Amino acid sequence: MLPFSVFITVDYLNIYIVFAIFLILWIIIPFIRGYFLKKINKDDVQNIAIGISKSSELEKLYKKLIVLVHPDKNLDKIDIAIEYTQLLNDNRYNYAQLKELEEKIKTTF
């Protein structure tokens, strides 16, 4: 059995080893895990590239389109209006998809 004083002494090499293990477990492994598990599609990359400068345009475009296709305003084409409303809600934060939907909505309504 080791004497108690062996456990009290500070060995700087052990501190560095413990710190390195802590660093690996706390920082590096979650970063690597997140890097490989995260799937970025093309639309996400486009939205990141567009950036914050388009956020006000995105909101304006969404509001304009949702008013145009709202089922309460299009009682004669209620099925199409509900379908487009769902598409708009699904792509609310996707500027490229909203632009495509805008063209389709202009031809339909």
PDB file of N, CA and C in Angstrom:
ATOM      1  N   MET A   1       0.841  -1.178   0.000  1.00  0.00           N
ATOM      2  CA  MET A   1       0.000   0.000   0.000  1.00  0.00           C
ATOM      3  C   MET A   1       0.889   1.245   0.000  1.00  0.00           C
ATOM      4  N   LEU A   2       0.506   2.236  -0.808  1.00  0.00           N
ATOM      5  CA  LEU A   2       1.287   3.454  -0.926  1.00  0.00           C
ATOM      6  C   LEU A   2       1.023   4.374   0.260  1.00  0.00           C
ATOM      7  N   PRO A   3       2.047   5.109   0.680  1.00  0.00           N
ATOM      8  CA  PRO A   3       1.828   6.058   1.776  1.00  0.00           C
ATOM      9  C   PRO A   3       0.941   7.210   1.309  1.00  0.00           C
ATOM     10  N   PHE A   4       0.301   7.850   2.248  1.00  0.00           N
ATOM     11  CA  PHE A   4      -0.639   8.925   1.962  1.00  0.00           C
ATOM     12  C   PHE A   4       0.037  10.111   1.284  1.00  0.00           C
ATOM     13  N   SER A   5       1.286  10.362   1.571  1.00  0.00           N
ATOM     14  CA  SER A   5       1.999  11.509   1.012  1.00  0.00           C
ATOM     15  C   SER A   5       2.165  11.396  -0.500  1.00  0.00           C
ATOM     16  N   VAL A   6       2.109  10.210  -1.070  1.00  0.00           N
ATOM     17  CA  VAL A   6       2.239  10.048  -2.518  1.00  0.00           C
ATOM     18  C   VAL A   6       1.045  10.685  -3.222  1.00  0.00           C
ATOM     19  N   PHE A   7      -0.113  10.603  -2.622  1.00  0.00           N
ATOM     20  CA  PHE A   7      -1.315  11.158  -3.243  1.00  0.00           C
ATOM     21  C   PHE A   7      -1.390  12.675  -3.097  1.00  0.00           C
ATOM     22  N   ILE A   8      -0.703  13.251  -2.118  1.00  0.00           N
ATOM     23  CA  ILE A   8      -0.769  14.682  -1.871  1.00  0.00           C
ATOM     24  C   ILE A   8       0.200  15.445  -2.773  1.00  0.00           C
ATOM     25  N   THR A   9       1.324  14.882  -3.130  1.00  0.00           N
ATOM     26  CA  THR A   9       2.325  15.590  -3.930  1.00  0.00           C
ATOM     27  C   THR A   9       1.756  15.935  -5.299  1.00  0.00           C
ATOM     28  N   VAL A  10       2.189  17.088  -5.811  1.00  0.00           N
ATOM     29  CA  VAL A  10       1.708  17.577  -7.092  1.00  0.00           C
ATOM     30  C   VAL A  10       2.740  17.250  -8.157  1.00  0.00           C
ATOM     31  N   ASP A  11       2.328  16.506  -9.110  1.00  0.00           N
ATOM     32  CA  ASP A  11       3.187  16.179 -10.229  1.00  0.00           C
ATOM     33  C   ASP A  11       2.634  16.938 -11.432  1.00  0.00           C
ATOM     34  N   TYR A  12       3.404  17.886 -11.960  1.00  0.00           N
ATOM     35  CA  TYR A  12       2.917  18.726 -13.035  1.00  0.00           C
ATOM     36  C   TYR A  12       2.628  17.948 -14.303  1.00  0.00           C
ATOM     37  N   LEU A  13       3.324  16.867 -14.522  1.00  0.00           N
ATOM     38  CA  LEU A  13       3.054  16.047 -15.697  1.00  0.00           C
ATOM     39  C   LEU A  13       1.648  15.467 -15.620  1.00  0.00           C
ATOM     40  N   ASN A  14       1.252  15.035 -14.452  1.00  0.00           N
ATOM     41  CA  ASN A  14      -0.101  14.500 -14.288  1.00  0.00           C
ATOM     42  C   ASN A  14      -1.164  15.579 -14.507  1.00  0.00           C
ATOM     43  N   ILE A  15      -0.876  16.808 -14.106  1.00  0.00           N
ATOM     44  CA  ILE A  15      -1.826  17.901 -14.317  1.00  0.00           C
ATOM     45  C   ILE A  15      -2.010  18.145 -15.810  1.00  0.00           C
ATOM     46  N   TYR A  16      -0.923  18.143 -16.566  1.00  0.00           N
ATOM     47  CA  TYR A  16      -1.021  18.330 -18.005  1.00  0.00           C
ATOM     48  C   TYR A  16      -1.776  17.190 -18.668  1.00  0.00           C
ATOM     49  N   ILE A  17      -1.567  15.996 -18.217  1.00  0.00           N
ATOM     50  CA  ILE A  17      -2.276  14.842 -18.777  1.00  0.00           C
ATOM     51  C   ILE A  17      -3.772  14.954 -18.486  1.00  0.00           C
ATOM     52  N   VAL A  18      -4.106  15.300 -17.265  1.00  0.00           N
ATOM     53  CA  VAL A  18      -5.515  15.466 -16.899  1.00  0.00           C
ATOM     54  C   VAL A  18      -6.139  16.596 -17.709  1.00  0.00           C
ATOM     55  N   PHE A  19      -5.398  17.698 -17.873  1.00  0.00           N
ATOM     56  CA  PHE A  19      -5.913  18.814 -18.666  1.00  0.00           C
ATOM     57  C   PHE A  19      -6.120  18.408 -20.118  1.00  0.00           C
ATOM     58  N   ALA A  20      -5.198  17.649 -20.682  1.00  0.00           N
ATOM     59  CA  ALA A  20      -5.333  17.203 -22.070  1.00  0.00           C
ATOM     60  C   ALA A  20      -6.544  16.286 -22.229  1.00  0.00           C
ATOM     61  N   ILE A  21      -6.753  15.395 -21.293  1.00  0.00           N
ATOM     62  CA  ILE A  21      -7.918  14.507 -21.349  1.00  0.00           C
ATOM     63  C   ILE A  21      -9.201  15.324 -21.232  1.00  0.00           C
ATOM     64  N   PHE A  22      -9.210  16.286 -20.319  1.00  0.00           N
ATOM     65  CA  PHE A  22     -10.374  17.154 -20.171  1.00  0.00           C
ATOM     66  C   PHE A  22     -10.648  17.914 -21.460  1.00  0.00           C
ATOM     67  N   LEU A  23      -9.587  18.446 -22.071  1.00  0.00           N
ATOM     68  CA  LEU A  23      -9.734  19.191 -23.314  1.00  0.00           C
ATOM     69  C   LEU A  23     -10.304  18.313 -24.417  1.00  0.00           C
ATOM     70  N   ILE A  24      -9.819  17.105 -24.536  1.00  0.00           N
ATOM     71  CA  ILE A  24     -10.310  16.179 -25.559  1.00  0.00           C
ATOM     72  C   ILE A  24     -11.776  15.842 -25.324  1.00  0.00           C
ATOM     73  N   LEU A  25     -12.119  15.531 -24.097  1.00  0.00           N
ATOM     74  CA  LEU A  25     -13.487  15.121 -23.807  1.00  0.00           C
ATOM     75  C   LEU A  25     -14.480  16.271 -23.892  1.00  0.00           C
ATOM     76  N   TRP A  26     -14.074  17.460 -23.475  1.00  0.00           N
ATOM     77  CA  TRP A  26     -15.015  18.551 -23.364  1.00  0.00           C
ATOM     78  C   TRP A  26     -15.138  19.397 -24.628  1.00  0.00           C
ATOM     79  N   ILE A  27     -14.067  19.520 -25.385  1.00  0.00           N
ATOM     80  CA  ILE A  27     -14.072  20.415 -26.540  1.00  0.00           C
ATOM     81  C   ILE A  27     -13.948  19.675 -27.860  1.00  0.00           C
ATOM     82  N   ILE A  28     -12.937  18.876 -27.993  1.00  0.00           N
ATOM     83  CA  ILE A  28     -12.606  18.323 -29.296  1.00  0.00           C
ATOM     84  C   ILE A  28     -13.601  17.267 -29.756  1.00  0.00           C
ATOM     85  N   ILE A  29     -13.965  16.326 -28.891  1.00  0.00           N
ATOM     86  CA  ILE A  29     -14.864  15.249 -29.308  1.00  0.00           C
ATOM     87  C   ILE A  29     -16.247  15.778 -29.692  1.00  0.00           C
ATOM     88  N   PRO A  30     -16.901  16.661 -28.918  1.00  0.00           N
ATOM     89  CA  PRO A  30     -18.195  17.184 -29.389  1.00  0.00           C
ATOM     90  C   PRO A  30     -18.096  17.962 -30.691  1.00  0.00           C
ATOM     91  N   PHE A  31     -16.983  18.684 -30.888  1.00  0.00           N
ATOM     92  CA  PHE A  31     -16.803  19.409 -32.144  1.00  0.00           C
ATOM     93  C   PHE A  31     -16.722  18.450 -33.321  1.00  0.00           C
ATOM     94  N   ILE A  32     -15.934  17.401 -33.186  1.00  0.00           N
ATOM     95  CA  ILE A  32     -15.798  16.416 -34.260  1.00  0.00           C
ATOM     96  C   ILE A  32     -17.124  15.709 -34.492  1.00  0.00           C
ATOM     97  N   ARG A  33     -17.790  15.345 -33.410  1.00  0.00           N
ATOM     98  CA  ARG A  33     -19.070  14.653 -33.531  1.00  0.00           C
ATOM     99  C   ARG A  33     -20.099  15.534 -34.241  1.00  0.00           C
ATOM    100  N   GLY A  34     -20.163  16.801 -33.870  1.00  0.00           N
ATOM    101  CA  GLY A  34     -21.085  17.720 -34.511  1.00  0.00           C
ATOM    102  C   GLY A  34     -20.724  17.979 -35.959  1.00  0.00           C
ATOM    103  N   TYR A  35     -19.451  18.012 -36.267  1.00  0.00           N
ATOM    104  CA  TYR A  35     -19.004  18.252 -37.627  1.00  0.00           C
ATOM    105  C   TYR A  35     -19.449  17.126 -38.548  1.00  0.00           C
ATOM    106  N   PHE A  36     -19.336  15.890 -38.090  1.00  0.00           N
ATOM    107  CA  PHE A  36     -19.685  14.766 -38.944  1.00  0.00           C
ATOM    108  C   PHE A  36     -21.186  14.469 -38.956  1.00  0.00           C
ATOM    109  N   LEU A  37     -21.893  14.829 -37.892  1.00  0.00           N
ATOM    110  CA  LEU A  37     -23.320  14.529 -37.836  1.00  0.00           C
ATOM    111  C   LEU A  37     -24.179  15.593 -38.510  1.00  0.00           C
ATOM    112  N   LYS A  38     -23.672  16.816 -38.560  1.00  0.00           N
ATOM    113  CA  LYS A  38     -24.465  17.892 -39.132  1.00  0.00           C
ATOM    114  C   LYS A  38     -24.507  17.764 -40.653  1.00  0.00           C
ATOM    115  N   LYS A  39     -25.710  17.812 -41.163  1.00  0.00           N
ATOM    116  CA  LYS A  39     -25.880  17.740 -42.611  1.00  0.00           C
ATOM    117  C   LYS A  39     -26.373  19.099 -43.091  1.00  0.00           C
ATOM    118  N   ILE A  40     -25.606  19.720 -43.943  1.00  0.00           N
ATOM    119  CA  ILE A  40     -25.964  21.024 -44.479  1.00  0.00           C
ATOM    120  C   ILE A  40     -26.415  20.824 -45.919  1.00  0.00           C
ATOM    121  N   ASN A  41     -27.617  21.279 -46.206  1.00  0.00           N
ATOM    122  CA  ASN A  41     -28.071  21.167 -47.588  1.00  0.00           C
ATOM    123  C   ASN A  41     -27.799  22.469 -48.334  1.00  0.00           C
ATOM    124  N   LYS A  42     -28.074  22.459 -49.608  1.00  0.00           N
ATOM    125  CA  LYS A  42     -27.743  23.579 -50.477  1.00  0.00           C
ATOM    126  C   LYS A  42     -28.482  24.856 -50.073  1.00  0.00           C
ATOM    127  N   ASP A  43     -29.734  24.713 -49.659  1.00  0.00           N
ATOM    128  CA  ASP A  43     -30.524  25.890 -49.291  1.00  0.00           C
ATOM    129  C   ASP A  43     -29.978  26.575 -48.047  1.00  0.00           C
ATOM    130  N   ASP A  44     -29.489  25.781 -47.082  1.00  0.00           N
ATOM    131  CA  ASP A  44     -28.906  26.370 -45.881  1.00  0.00           C
ATOM    132  C   ASP A  44     -27.670  27.191 -46.229  1.00  0.00           C
ATOM    133  N   VAL A  45     -26.858  26.681 -47.130  1.00  0.00           N
ATOM    134  CA  VAL A  45     -25.654  27.401 -47.548  1.00  0.00           C
ATOM    135  C   VAL A  45     -26.035  28.700 -48.246  1.00  0.00           C
ATOM    136  N   GLN A  46     -27.059  28.657 -49.088  1.00  0.00           N
ATOM    137  CA  GLN A  46     -27.502  29.877 -49.770  1.00  0.00           C
ATOM    138  C   GLN A  46     -28.032  30.902 -48.770  1.00  0.00           C
ATOM    139  N   ASN A  47     -28.768  30.431 -47.764  1.00  0.00           N
ATOM    140  CA  ASN A  47     -29.293  31.360 -46.767  1.00  0.00           C
ATOM    141  C   ASN A  47     -28.184  31.979 -45.947  1.00  0.00           C
ATOM    142  N   ILE A  48     -27.143  31.210 -45.647  1.00  0.00           N
ATOM    143  CA  ILE A  48     -26.008  31.759 -44.917  1.00  0.00           C
ATOM    144  C   ILE A  48     -25.291  32.791 -45.777  1.00  0.00           C
ATOM    145  N   ALA A  49     -25.167  32.504 -47.071  1.00  0.00           N
ATOM    146  CA  ALA A  49     -24.496  33.430 -47.974  1.00  0.00           C
ATOM    147  C   ALA A  49     -25.298  34.716 -48.136  1.00  0.00           C
ATOM    148  N   ILE A  50     -26.622  34.603 -48.168  1.00  0.00           N
ATOM    149  CA  ILE A  50     -27.456  35.795 -48.296  1.00  0.00           C
ATOM    150  C   ILE A  50     -27.300  36.668 -47.059  1.00  0.00           C
ATOM    151  N   GLY A  51     -27.310  36.039 -45.910  1.00  0.00           N
ATOM    152  CA  GLY A  51     -27.022  36.733 -44.657  1.00  0.00           C
ATOM    153  C   GLY A  51     -28.164  37.558 -44.115  1.00  0.00           C
ATOM    154  N   ILE A  52     -27.802  38.368 -43.168  1.00  0.00           N
ATOM    155  CA  ILE A  52     -28.793  39.144 -42.431  1.00  0.00           C
ATOM    156  C   ILE A  52     -29.359  40.276 -43.277  1.00  0.00           C
ATOM    157  N   SER A  53     -28.627  40.712 -44.279  1.00  0.00           N
ATOM    158  CA  SER A  53     -29.088  41.844 -45.073  1.00  0.00           C
ATOM    159  C   SER A  53     -30.401  41.538 -45.780  1.00  0.00           C
ATOM    160  N   LYS A  54     -30.678  40.273 -46.051  1.00  0.00           N
ATOM    161  CA  LYS A  54     -31.913  39.903 -46.729  1.00  0.00           C
ATOM    162  C   LYS A  54     -33.038  39.565 -45.758  1.00  0.00           C
ATOM    163  N   SER A  55     -32.785  39.610 -44.460  1.00  0.00           N
ATOM    164  CA  SER A  55     -33.808  39.166 -43.515  1.00  0.00           C
ATOM    165  C   SER A  55     -35.057  40.035 -43.585  1.00  0.00           C
ATOM    166  N   SER A  56     -34.910  41.336 -43.746  1.00  0.00           N
ATOM    167  CA  SER A  56     -36.100  42.183 -43.849  1.00  0.00           C
ATOM    168  C   SER A  56     -36.831  41.919 -45.167  1.00  0.00           C
ATOM    169  N   GLU A  57     -36.076  41.702 -46.246  1.00  0.00           N
ATOM    170  CA  GLU A  57     -36.698  41.364 -47.522  1.00  0.00           C
ATOM    171  C   GLU A  57     -37.406  40.014 -47.437  1.00  0.00           C
ATOM    172  N   LEU A  58     -36.822  39.096 -46.709  1.00  0.00           N
ATOM    173  CA  LEU A  58     -37.413  37.781 -46.528  1.00  0.00           C
ATOM    174  C   LEU A  58     -38.756  37.893 -45.815  1.00  0.00           C
ATOM    175  N   GLU A  59     -38.797  38.671 -44.756  1.00  0.00           N
ATOM    176  CA  GLU A  59     -40.051  38.852 -44.014  1.00  0.00           C
ATOM    177  C   GLU A  59     -41.109  39.538 -44.882  1.00  0.00           C
ATOM    178  N   LYS A  60     -40.717  40.567 -45.619  1.00  0.00           N
ATOM    179  CA  LYS A  60     -41.665  41.272 -46.479  1.00  0.00           C
ATOM    180  C   LYS A  60     -42.217  40.360 -47.563  1.00  0.00           C
ATOM    181  N   LEU A  61     -41.333  39.572 -48.167  1.00  0.00           N
ATOM    182  CA  LEU A  61     -41.767  38.660 -49.223  1.00  0.00           C
ATOM    183  C   LEU A  61     -42.714  37.613 -48.675  1.00  0.00           C
ATOM    184  N   TYR A  62     -42.393  37.059 -47.519  1.00  0.00           N
ATOM    185  CA  TYR A  62     -43.253  36.047 -46.906  1.00  0.00           C
ATOM    186  C   TYR A  62     -44.629  36.624 -46.588  1.00  0.00           C
ATOM    187  N   LYS A  63     -44.656  37.799 -45.981  1.00  0.00           N
ATOM    188  CA  LYS A  63     -45.945  38.407 -45.619  1.00  0.00           C
ATOM    189  C   LYS A  63     -46.773  38.726 -46.857  1.00  0.00           C
ATOM    190  N   LYS A  64     -46.115  39.227 -47.903  1.00  0.00           N
ATOM    191  CA  LYS A  64     -46.832  39.551 -49.131  1.00  0.00           C
ATOM    192  C   LYS A  64     -47.442  38.292 -49.751  1.00  0.00           C
ATOM    193  N   LEU A  65     -46.670  37.211 -49.787  1.00  0.00           N
ATOM    194  CA  LEU A  65     -47.164  35.980 -50.395  1.00  0.00           C
ATOM    195  C   LEU A  65     -48.247  35.318 -49.558  1.00  0.00           C
ATOM    196  N   ILE A  66     -48.095  35.342 -48.258  1.00  0.00           N
ATOM    197  CA  ILE A  66     -49.079  34.680 -47.401  1.00  0.00           C
ATOM    198  C   ILE A  66     -50.418  35.421 -47.476  1.00  0.00           C
ATOM    199  N   VAL A  67     -50.390  36.745 -47.669  1.00  0.00           N
ATOM    200  CA  VAL A  67     -51.629  37.499 -47.830  1.00  0.00           C
ATOM    201  C   VAL A  67     -52.282  37.145 -49.166  1.00  0.00           C
ATOM    202  N   LEU A  68     -51.477  36.969 -50.207  1.00  0.00           N
ATOM    203  CA  LEU A  68     -52.031  36.645 -51.525  1.00  0.00           C
ATOM    204  C   LEU A  68     -52.717  35.285 -51.553  1.00  0.00           C
ATOM    205  N   VAL A  69     -52.147  34.299 -50.871  1.00  0.00           N
ATOM    206  CA  VAL A  69     -52.667  32.936 -50.995  1.00  0.00           C
ATOM    207  C   VAL A  69     -53.485  32.479 -49.801  1.00  0.00           C
ATOM    208  N   HIS A  70     -53.803  33.370 -48.900  1.00  0.00           N
ATOM    209  CA  HIS A  70     -54.543  32.946 -47.710  1.00  0.00           C
ATOM    210  C   HIS A  70     -55.889  32.341 -48.122  1.00  0.00           C
ATOM    211  N   PRO A  71     -56.248  31.205 -47.530  1.00  0.00           N
ATOM    212  CA  PRO A  71     -57.498  30.522 -47.920  1.00  0.00           C
ATOM    213  C   PRO A  71     -58.754  31.375 -47.709  1.00  0.00           C
ATOM    214  N   ASP A  72     -58.743  32.289 -46.757  1.00  0.00           N
ATOM    215  CA  ASP A  72     -59.917  33.141 -46.532  1.00  0.00           C
ATOM    216  C   ASP A  72     -60.131  34.136 -47.671  1.00  0.00           C
ATOM    217  N   LYS A  73     -59.076  34.501 -48.368  1.00  0.00           N
ATOM    218  CA  LYS A  73     -59.195  35.444 -49.477  1.00  0.00           C
ATOM    219  C   LYS A  73     -59.447  34.746 -50.802  1.00  0.00           C
ATOM    220  N   ASN A  74     -59.202  33.436 -50.857  1.00  0.00           N
ATOM    221  CA  ASN A  74     -59.363  32.677 -52.104  1.00  0.00           C
ATOM    222  C   ASN A  74     -60.341  31.527 -51.883  1.00  0.00           C
ATOM    223  N   LEU A  75     -61.593  31.887 -51.690  1.00  0.00           N
ATOM    224  CA  LEU A  75     -62.594  30.861 -51.402  1.00  0.00           C
ATOM    225  C   LEU A  75     -62.898  29.990 -52.617  1.00  0.00           C
ATOM    226  N   ASP A  76     -62.705  30.533 -53.808  1.00  0.00           N
ATOM    227  CA  ASP A  76     -62.961  29.735 -55.007  1.00  0.00           C
ATOM    228  C   ASP A  76     -61.839  28.725 -55.276  1.00  0.00           C
ATOM    229  N   LYS A  77     -60.623  29.002 -54.829  1.00  0.00           N
ATOM    230  CA  LYS A  77     -59.473  28.089 -55.006  1.00  0.00           C
ATOM    231  C   LYS A  77     -58.921  27.684 -53.645  1.00  0.00           C
ATOM    232  N   ILE A  78     -59.782  27.218 -52.779  1.00  0.00           N
ATOM    233  CA  ILE A  78     -59.368  26.973 -51.392  1.00  0.00           C
ATOM    234  C   ILE A  78     -58.353  25.842 -51.271  1.00  0.00           C
ATOM    235  N   ASP A  79     -58.491  24.799 -52.089  1.00  0.00           N
ATOM    236  CA  ASP A  79     -57.531  23.682 -52.011  1.00  0.00           C
ATOM    237  C   ASP A  79     -56.127  24.120 -52.413  1.00  0.00           C
ATOM    238  N   ILE A  80     -56.045  24.883 -53.491  1.00  0.00           N
ATOM    239  CA  ILE A  80     -54.746  25.386 -53.951  1.00  0.00           C
ATOM    240  C   ILE A  80     -54.174  26.373 -52.940  1.00  0.00           C
ATOM    241  N   ALA A  81     -55.048  27.193 -52.355  1.00  0.00           N
ATOM    242  CA  ALA A  81     -54.600  28.179 -51.364  1.00  0.00           C
ATOM    243  C   ALA A  81     -54.030  27.490 -50.127  1.00  0.00           C
ATOM    244  N   ILE A  82     -54.689  26.427 -49.674  1.00  0.00           N
ATOM    245  CA  ILE A  82     -54.178  25.690 -48.514  1.00  0.00           C
ATOM    246  C   ILE A  82     -52.834  25.048 -48.836  1.00  0.00           C
ATOM    247  N   GLU A  83     -52.701  24.499 -50.025  1.00  0.00           N
ATOM    248  CA  GLU A  83     -51.431  23.876 -50.429  1.00  0.00           C
ATOM    249  C   GLU A  83     -50.298  24.901 -50.464  1.00  0.00           C
ATOM    250  N   TYR A  84     -50.560  26.057 -51.063  1.00  0.00           N
ATOM    251  CA  TYR A  84     -49.523  27.090 -51.132  1.00  0.00           C
ATOM    252  C   TYR A  84     -49.213  27.678 -49.748  1.00  0.00           C
ATOM    253  N   THR A  85     -50.213  27.772 -48.899  1.00  0.00           N
ATOM    254  CA  THR A  85     -49.976  28.260 -47.541  1.00  0.00           C
ATOM    255  C   THR A  85     -49.051  27.318 -46.788  1.00  0.00           C
ATOM    256  N   GLN A  86     -49.261  26.017 -46.941  1.00  0.00           N
ATOM    257  CA  GLN A  86     -48.377  25.045 -46.300  1.00  0.00           C
ATOM    258  C   GLN A  86     -46.962  25.129 -46.868  1.00  0.00           C
ATOM    259  N   LEU A  87     -46.843  25.285 -48.178  1.00  0.00           N
ATOM    260  CA  LEU A  87     -45.519  25.431 -48.787  1.00  0.00           C
ATOM    261  C   LEU A  87     -44.810  26.689 -48.283  1.00  0.00           C
ATOM    262  N   LEU A  88     -45.561  27.773 -48.173  1.00  0.00           N
ATOM    263  CA  LEU A  88     -44.958  29.010 -47.671  1.00  0.00           C
ATOM    264  C   LEU A  88     -44.508  28.865 -46.226  1.00  0.00           C
ATOM    265  N   ASN A  89     -45.319  28.216 -45.412  1.00  0.00           N
ATOM    266  CA  ASN A  89     -44.935  28.027 -44.014  1.00  0.00           C
ATOM    267  C   ASN A  89     -43.731  27.106 -43.880  1.00  0.00           C
ATOM    268  N   ASP A  90     -43.627  26.099 -44.733  1.00  0.00           N
ATOM    269  CA  ASP A  90     -42.475  25.200 -44.688  1.00  0.00           C
ATOM    270  C   ASP A  90     -41.186  25.892 -45.114  1.00  0.00           C
ATOM    271  N   ASN A  91     -41.304  26.840 -46.045  1.00  0.00           N
ATOM    272  CA  ASN A  91     -40.125  27.531 -46.581  1.00  0.00           C
ATOM    273  C   ASN A  91     -40.059  28.983 -46.127  1.00  0.00           C
ATOM    274  N   ARG A  92     -40.544  29.249 -44.943  1.00  0.00           N
ATOM    275  CA  ARG A  92     -40.638  30.620 -44.446  1.00  0.00           C
ATOM    276  C   ARG A  92     -39.279  31.321 -44.374  1.00  0.00           C
ATOM    277  N   TYR A  93     -38.227  30.606 -44.050  1.00  0.00           N
ATOM    278  CA  TYR A  93     -36.909  31.212 -43.880  1.00  0.00           C
ATOM    279  C   TYR A  93     -35.966  30.893 -45.044  1.00  0.00           C
ATOM    280  N   ASN A  94     -36.512  30.457 -46.147  1.00  0.00           N
ATOM    281  CA  ASN A  94     -35.703  30.086 -47.304  1.00  0.00           C
ATOM    282  C   ASN A  94     -36.006  31.065 -48.437  1.00  0.00           C
ATOM    283  N   TYR A  95     -35.102  32.005 -48.619  1.00  0.00           N
ATOM    284  CA  TYR A  95     -35.338  33.076 -49.586  1.00  0.00           C
ATOM    285  C   TYR A  95     -35.441  32.548 -51.015  1.00  0.00           C
ATOM    286  N   ALA A  96     -34.595  31.611 -51.376  1.00  0.00           N
ATOM    287  CA  ALA A  96     -34.603  31.079 -52.744  1.00  0.00           C
ATOM    288  C   ALA A  96     -35.919  30.365 -53.043  1.00  0.00           C
ATOM    289  N   GLN A  97     -36.386  29.564 -52.103  1.00  0.00           N
ATOM    290  CA  GLN A  97     -37.657  28.854 -52.310  1.00  0.00           C
ATOM    291  C   GLN A  97     -38.833  29.833 -52.355  1.00  0.00           C
ATOM    292  N   LEU A  98     -38.784  30.881 -51.540  1.00  0.00           N
ATOM    293  CA  LEU A  98     -39.862  31.870 -51.570  1.00  0.00           C
ATOM    294  C   LEU A  98     -39.920  32.582 -52.918  1.00  0.00           C
ATOM    295  N   LYS A  99     -38.771  32.856 -53.502  1.00  0.00           N
ATOM    296  CA  LYS A  99     -38.745  33.483 -54.828  1.00  0.00           C
ATOM    297  C   LYS A  99     -39.365  32.558 -55.874  1.00  0.00           C
ATOM    298  N   GLU A 100     -39.056  31.259 -55.798  1.00  0.00           N
ATOM    299  CA  GLU A 100     -39.660  30.298 -56.729  1.00  0.00           C
ATOM    300  C   GLU A 100     -41.168  30.214 -56.526  1.00  0.00           C
ATOM    301  N   LEU A 101     -41.587  30.184 -55.268  1.00  0.00           N
ATOM    302  CA  LEU A 101     -43.017  30.135 -54.977  1.00  0.00           C
ATOM    303  C   LEU A 101     -43.730  31.415 -55.429  1.00  0.00           C
ATOM    304  N   GLU A 102     -43.036  32.533 -55.376  1.00  0.00           N
ATOM    305  CA  GLU A 102     -43.628  33.786 -55.836  1.00  0.00           C
ATOM    306  C   GLU A 102     -43.998  33.712 -57.313  1.00  0.00           C
ATOM    307  N   GLU A 103     -43.114  33.128 -58.109  1.00  0.00           N
ATOM    308  CA  GLU A 103     -43.398  32.970 -59.539  1.00  0.00           C
ATOM    309  C   GLU A 103     -44.595  32.043 -59.768  1.00  0.00           C
ATOM    310  N   LYS A 104     -44.648  30.948 -59.019  1.00  0.00           N
ATOM    311  CA  LYS A 104     -45.770  30.012 -59.156  1.00  0.00           C
ATOM    312  C   LYS A 104     -47.078  30.652 -58.712  1.00  0.00           C
ATOM    313  N   ILE A 105     -47.028  31.430 -57.651  1.00  0.00           N
ATOM    314  CA  ILE A 105     -48.231  32.079 -57.131  1.00  0.00           C
ATOM    315  C   ILE A 105     -48.736  33.127 -58.124  1.00  0.00           C
ATOM    316  N   LYS A 106     -47.820  33.852 -58.749  1.00  0.00           N
ATOM    317  CA  LYS A 106     -48.238  34.883 -59.732  1.00  0.00           C
ATOM    318  C   LYS A 106     -48.948  34.251 -60.912  1.00  0.00           C
ATOM    319  N   THR A 107     -48.517  33.065 -61.317  1.00  0.00           N
ATOM    320  CA  THR A 107     -49.182  32.414 -62.446  1.00  0.00           C
ATOM    321  C   THR A 107     -50.505  31.770 -62.035  1.00  0.00           C
ATOM    322  N   THR A 108     -50.620  31.351 -60.772  1.00  0.00           N
ATOM    323  CA  THR A 108     -51.826  30.660 -60.321  1.00  0.00           C
ATOM    324  C   THR A 108     -52.931  31.626 -59.908  1.00  0.00           C
ATOM    325  N   PHE A 109     -52.587  32.694 -59.210  1.00  0.00           N
ATOM    326  CA  PHE A 109     -53.618  33.597 -58.678  1.00  0.00           C
ATOM    327  C   PHE A 109     -53.691  34.879 -59.456  1.00  0.00           C
TER     328      PHE A 109
END
